[in-house]
Amino acid sequence: KIDKMQRDMKTKEDLKTVALGTSKINDLDPRITVAWCKRHEVPIEMIFNKSLLAKFCCAMDVILISDSEIHRMEPCS
């Protein structure tokens, strides 16, 4: 039990420097995330916090045509 607690403490300490939300901001196109949320009926608020919703507001215009097609009204700037 002590070993597990020590491992957990080490893991927690090691992960302090890892920004877990970074990939949502830098690596994923928000239009893809919005399209996925719409397709699977997941509220976008569960994925993006308020500041990211404001930053990616142009991605909210994603229109789903079919399972394989995603179209937008206008380009994201």
N, C-alpha and C. Protein backbone atom coordinates (compact mmCIF):
# COMPACT_ATOMS: atom_id res chain seq x y z
N LYS A 1 0.83 -1.19 0.00
CA LYS A 1 0.00 0.00 0.00
C LYS A 1 0.87 1.26 0.00
N ILE A 2 1.96 1.20 0.72
CA ILE A 2 2.88 2.34 0.77
C ILE A 2 3.53 2.56 -0.60
N ASP A 3 3.89 1.44 -1.26
CA ASP A 3 4.49 1.55 -2.59
C ASP A 3 3.54 2.22 -3.58
N LYS A 4 2.27 1.83 -3.51
CA LYS A 4 1.27 2.43 -4.41
C LYS A 4 1.12 3.92 -4.14
N MET A 5 1.09 4.30 -2.88
CA MET A 5 0.97 5.71 -2.53
C MET A 5 2.18 6.50 -3.02
N GLN A 6 3.36 5.90 -2.90
CA GLN A 6 4.58 6.58 -3.37
C GLN A 6 4.56 6.73 -4.89
N ARG A 7 4.11 5.68 -5.59
CA ARG A 7 4.01 5.77 -7.06
C ARG A 7 3.00 6.84 -7.46
N ASP A 8 1.87 6.87 -6.76
CA ASP A 8 0.84 7.87 -7.06
C ASP A 8 1.36 9.28 -6.82
N MET A 9 2.10 9.47 -5.74
CA MET A 9 2.67 10.78 -5.44
C MET A 9 3.69 11.19 -6.51
N LYS A 10 4.50 10.24 -6.96
CA LYS A 10 5.50 10.53 -7.99
C LYS A 10 4.81 10.86 -9.31
N THR A 11 3.78 10.10 -9.65
CA THR A 11 3.04 10.36 -10.89
C THR A 11 2.40 11.74 -10.84
N LYS A 12 1.80 12.08 -9.72
CA LYS A 12 1.17 13.39 -9.57
C LYS A 12 2.20 14.49 -9.72
N GLU A 13 3.35 14.32 -9.12
CA GLU A 13 4.41 15.31 -9.23
C GLU A 13 4.92 15.43 -10.67
N ASP A 14 5.09 14.30 -11.32
CA ASP A 14 5.59 14.31 -12.71
C ASP A 14 4.61 14.97 -13.66
N LEU A 15 3.31 14.82 -13.42
CA LEU A 15 2.29 15.36 -14.31
C LEU A 15 2.00 16.84 -14.08
N LYS A 16 2.58 17.43 -13.04
CA LYS A 16 2.33 18.84 -12.77
C LYS A 16 2.81 19.73 -13.91
N THR A 17 3.82 19.30 -14.63
CA THR A 17 4.37 20.13 -15.71
C THR A 17 3.73 19.84 -17.06
N VAL A 18 2.83 18.88 -17.12
CA VAL A 18 2.18 18.53 -18.38
C VAL A 18 0.86 19.26 -18.46
N ALA A 19 0.69 20.04 -19.51
CA ALA A 19 -0.57 20.74 -19.73
C ALA A 19 -1.50 19.81 -20.50
N LEU A 20 -2.46 19.24 -19.81
CA LEU A 20 -3.33 18.24 -20.42
C LEU A 20 -4.28 18.83 -21.45
N GLY A 21 -4.55 20.12 -21.39
CA GLY A 21 -5.44 20.74 -22.36
C GLY A 21 -4.74 21.27 -23.59
N THR A 22 -3.42 21.22 -23.62
CA THR A 22 -2.66 21.81 -24.72
C THR A 22 -3.03 21.23 -26.08
N SER A 23 -3.23 19.93 -26.16
CA SER A 23 -3.53 19.33 -27.47
C SER A 23 -4.87 19.81 -28.01
N LYS A 24 -5.83 20.11 -27.13
CA LYS A 24 -7.11 20.63 -27.60
C LYS A 24 -6.93 21.99 -28.26
N ILE A 25 -5.96 22.76 -27.79
CA ILE A 25 -5.75 24.10 -28.32
C ILE A 25 -4.85 24.07 -29.55
N ASN A 26 -3.77 23.32 -29.50
CA ASN A 26 -2.74 23.40 -30.54
C ASN A 26 -2.82 22.32 -31.60
N ASP A 27 -3.21 21.12 -31.25
CA ASP A 27 -3.10 20.00 -32.17
C ASP A 27 -4.38 19.66 -32.91
N LEU A 28 -5.52 19.93 -32.32
CA LEU A 28 -6.79 19.55 -32.95
C LEU A 28 -7.46 20.77 -33.59
N ASP A 29 -7.92 20.58 -34.80
CA ASP A 29 -8.70 21.63 -35.45
C ASP A 29 -10.04 21.71 -34.72
N PRO A 30 -10.41 22.87 -34.20
CA PRO A 30 -11.66 22.97 -33.44
C PRO A 30 -12.89 22.60 -34.26
N ARG A 31 -12.82 22.78 -35.58
CA ARG A 31 -13.97 22.43 -36.43
C ARG A 31 -14.22 20.92 -36.39
N ILE A 32 -13.16 20.15 -36.32
CA ILE A 32 -13.31 18.68 -36.24
C ILE A 32 -13.93 18.30 -34.90
N THR A 33 -13.45 18.95 -33.84
CA THR A 33 -13.99 18.67 -32.50
C THR A 33 -15.47 19.03 -32.44
N VAL A 34 -15.84 20.18 -32.99
CA VAL A 34 -17.25 20.60 -32.99
C VAL A 34 -18.10 19.63 -33.80
N ALA A 35 -17.60 19.23 -34.96
CA ALA A 35 -18.34 18.28 -35.80
C ALA A 35 -18.53 16.95 -35.07
N TRP A 36 -17.48 16.48 -34.38
CA TRP A 36 -17.59 15.22 -33.63
C TRP A 36 -18.64 15.37 -32.52
N CYS A 37 -18.61 16.48 -31.82
CA CYS A 37 -19.59 16.70 -30.75
C CYS A 37 -21.01 16.71 -31.29
N LYS A 38 -21.21 17.39 -32.43
CA LYS A 38 -22.55 17.43 -33.02
C LYS A 38 -23.00 16.05 -33.47
N ARG A 39 -22.09 15.31 -34.10
CA ARG A 39 -22.43 13.99 -34.61
C ARG A 39 -22.81 13.03 -33.48
N HIS A 40 -22.11 13.15 -32.35
CA HIS A 40 -22.35 12.23 -31.23
C HIS A 40 -23.19 12.84 -30.12
N GLU A 41 -23.76 14.02 -30.41
CA GLU A 41 -24.66 14.70 -29.48
C GLU A 41 -24.02 14.92 -28.11
N VAL A 42 -22.77 15.35 -28.14
CA VAL A 42 -22.03 15.67 -26.92
C VAL A 42 -22.02 17.19 -26.79
N PRO A 43 -22.44 17.73 -25.66
CA PRO A 43 -22.41 19.20 -25.50
C PRO A 43 -20.97 19.71 -25.62
N ILE A 44 -20.77 20.72 -26.45
CA ILE A 44 -19.43 21.25 -26.68
C ILE A 44 -18.82 21.80 -25.39
N GLU A 45 -19.67 22.19 -24.44
CA GLU A 45 -19.19 22.71 -23.16
C GLU A 45 -18.45 21.64 -22.35
N MET A 46 -18.69 20.37 -22.69
CA MET A 46 -17.97 19.30 -21.99
C MET A 46 -16.54 19.17 -22.52
N ILE A 47 -16.27 19.72 -23.69
CA ILE A 47 -14.95 19.61 -24.30
C ILE A 47 -14.15 20.90 -24.14
N PHE A 48 -14.77 22.03 -24.45
CA PHE A 48 -14.10 23.32 -24.38
C PHE A 48 -14.61 24.13 -23.20
N ASN A 49 -13.69 24.79 -22.49
CA ASN A 49 -14.10 25.69 -21.42
C ASN A 49 -14.56 27.01 -22.03
N LYS A 50 -14.99 27.97 -21.20
CA LYS A 50 -15.57 29.22 -21.71
C LYS A 50 -14.58 30.01 -22.55
N SER A 51 -13.33 30.06 -22.13
CA SER A 51 -12.36 30.85 -22.90
C SER A 51 -12.08 30.21 -24.25
N LEU A 52 -12.05 28.88 -24.32
CA LEU A 52 -11.84 28.21 -25.61
C LEU A 52 -13.07 28.35 -26.50
N LEU A 53 -14.25 28.34 -25.91
CA LEU A 53 -15.47 28.56 -26.70
C LEU A 53 -15.43 29.94 -27.36
N ALA A 54 -14.96 30.93 -26.62
CA ALA A 54 -14.86 32.28 -27.17
C ALA A 54 -13.79 32.34 -28.26
N LYS A 55 -12.67 31.66 -28.02
CA LYS A 55 -11.57 31.66 -28.99
C LYS A 55 -11.96 30.96 -30.29
N PHE A 56 -12.71 29.86 -30.18
CA PHE A 56 -13.06 29.04 -31.33
C PHE A 56 -14.50 29.27 -31.77
N CYS A 57 -15.05 30.45 -31.55
CA CYS A 57 -16.46 30.69 -31.89
C CYS A 57 -16.74 30.48 -33.37
N CYS A 58 -15.75 30.72 -34.23
CA CYS A 58 -15.98 30.52 -35.67
C CYS A 58 -16.16 29.04 -36.01
N ALA A 59 -15.66 28.16 -35.18
CA ALA A 59 -15.79 26.72 -35.44
C ALA A 59 -17.20 26.22 -35.17
N MET A 60 -18.01 27.00 -34.49
CA MET A 60 -19.36 26.58 -34.15
C MET A 60 -20.29 26.55 -35.36
N ASP A 61 -19.83 27.10 -36.49
CA ASP A 61 -20.64 27.14 -37.70
C ASP A 61 -20.54 25.87 -38.54
N VAL A 62 -19.93 24.84 -38.00
CA VAL A 62 -19.76 23.59 -38.75
C VAL A 62 -21.13 23.01 -39.08
N ILE A 63 -21.28 22.61 -40.32
CA ILE A 63 -22.52 21.98 -40.78
C ILE A 63 -22.21 20.54 -41.18
N LEU A 64 -22.95 19.60 -40.62
CA LEU A 64 -22.76 18.20 -40.96
C LEU A 64 -23.66 17.85 -42.14
N ILE A 65 -23.06 17.44 -43.24
CA ILE A 65 -23.83 17.05 -44.42
C ILE A 65 -24.12 15.55 -44.36
N SER A 66 -23.10 14.77 -44.06
CA SER A 66 -23.24 13.33 -43.91
C SER A 66 -22.13 12.86 -42.97
N ASP A 67 -22.05 11.55 -42.75
CA ASP A 67 -21.01 11.03 -41.87
C ASP A 67 -19.61 11.28 -42.39
N SER A 68 -19.45 11.43 -43.70
CA SER A 68 -18.12 11.60 -44.26
C SER A 68 -17.83 13.04 -44.70
N GLU A 69 -18.81 13.92 -44.66
CA GLU A 69 -18.62 15.29 -45.14
C GLU A 69 -18.88 16.30 -44.04
N ILE A 70 -17.97 17.25 -43.95
CA ILE A 70 -18.11 18.36 -43.01
C ILE A 70 -17.92 19.64 -43.82
N HIS A 71 -18.87 20.56 -43.74
CA HIS A 71 -18.76 21.82 -44.45
C HIS A 71 -18.93 22.96 -43.46
N ARG A 72 -18.33 24.08 -43.79
CA ARG A 72 -18.44 25.28 -42.95
C ARG A 72 -19.08 26.40 -43.75
N MET A 73 -19.66 27.32 -43.04
CA MET A 73 -20.26 28.48 -43.66
C MET A 73 -19.18 29.43 -44.18
N GLU A 74 -18.15 29.71 -43.37
CA GLU A 74 -17.08 30.63 -43.74
C GLU A 74 -15.79 30.18 -43.08
N PRO A 75 -14.64 30.59 -43.62
CA PRO A 75 -13.37 30.14 -43.04
C PRO A 75 -13.13 30.74 -41.67
N CYS A 76 -12.45 30.00 -40.84
CA CYS A 76 -12.07 30.44 -39.50
C CYS A 76 -10.85 31.36 -39.62
N SER A 77 -10.85 32.51 -38.98
CA SER A 77 -9.70 33.39 -39.08
C SER A 77 -8.83 33.33 -37.85
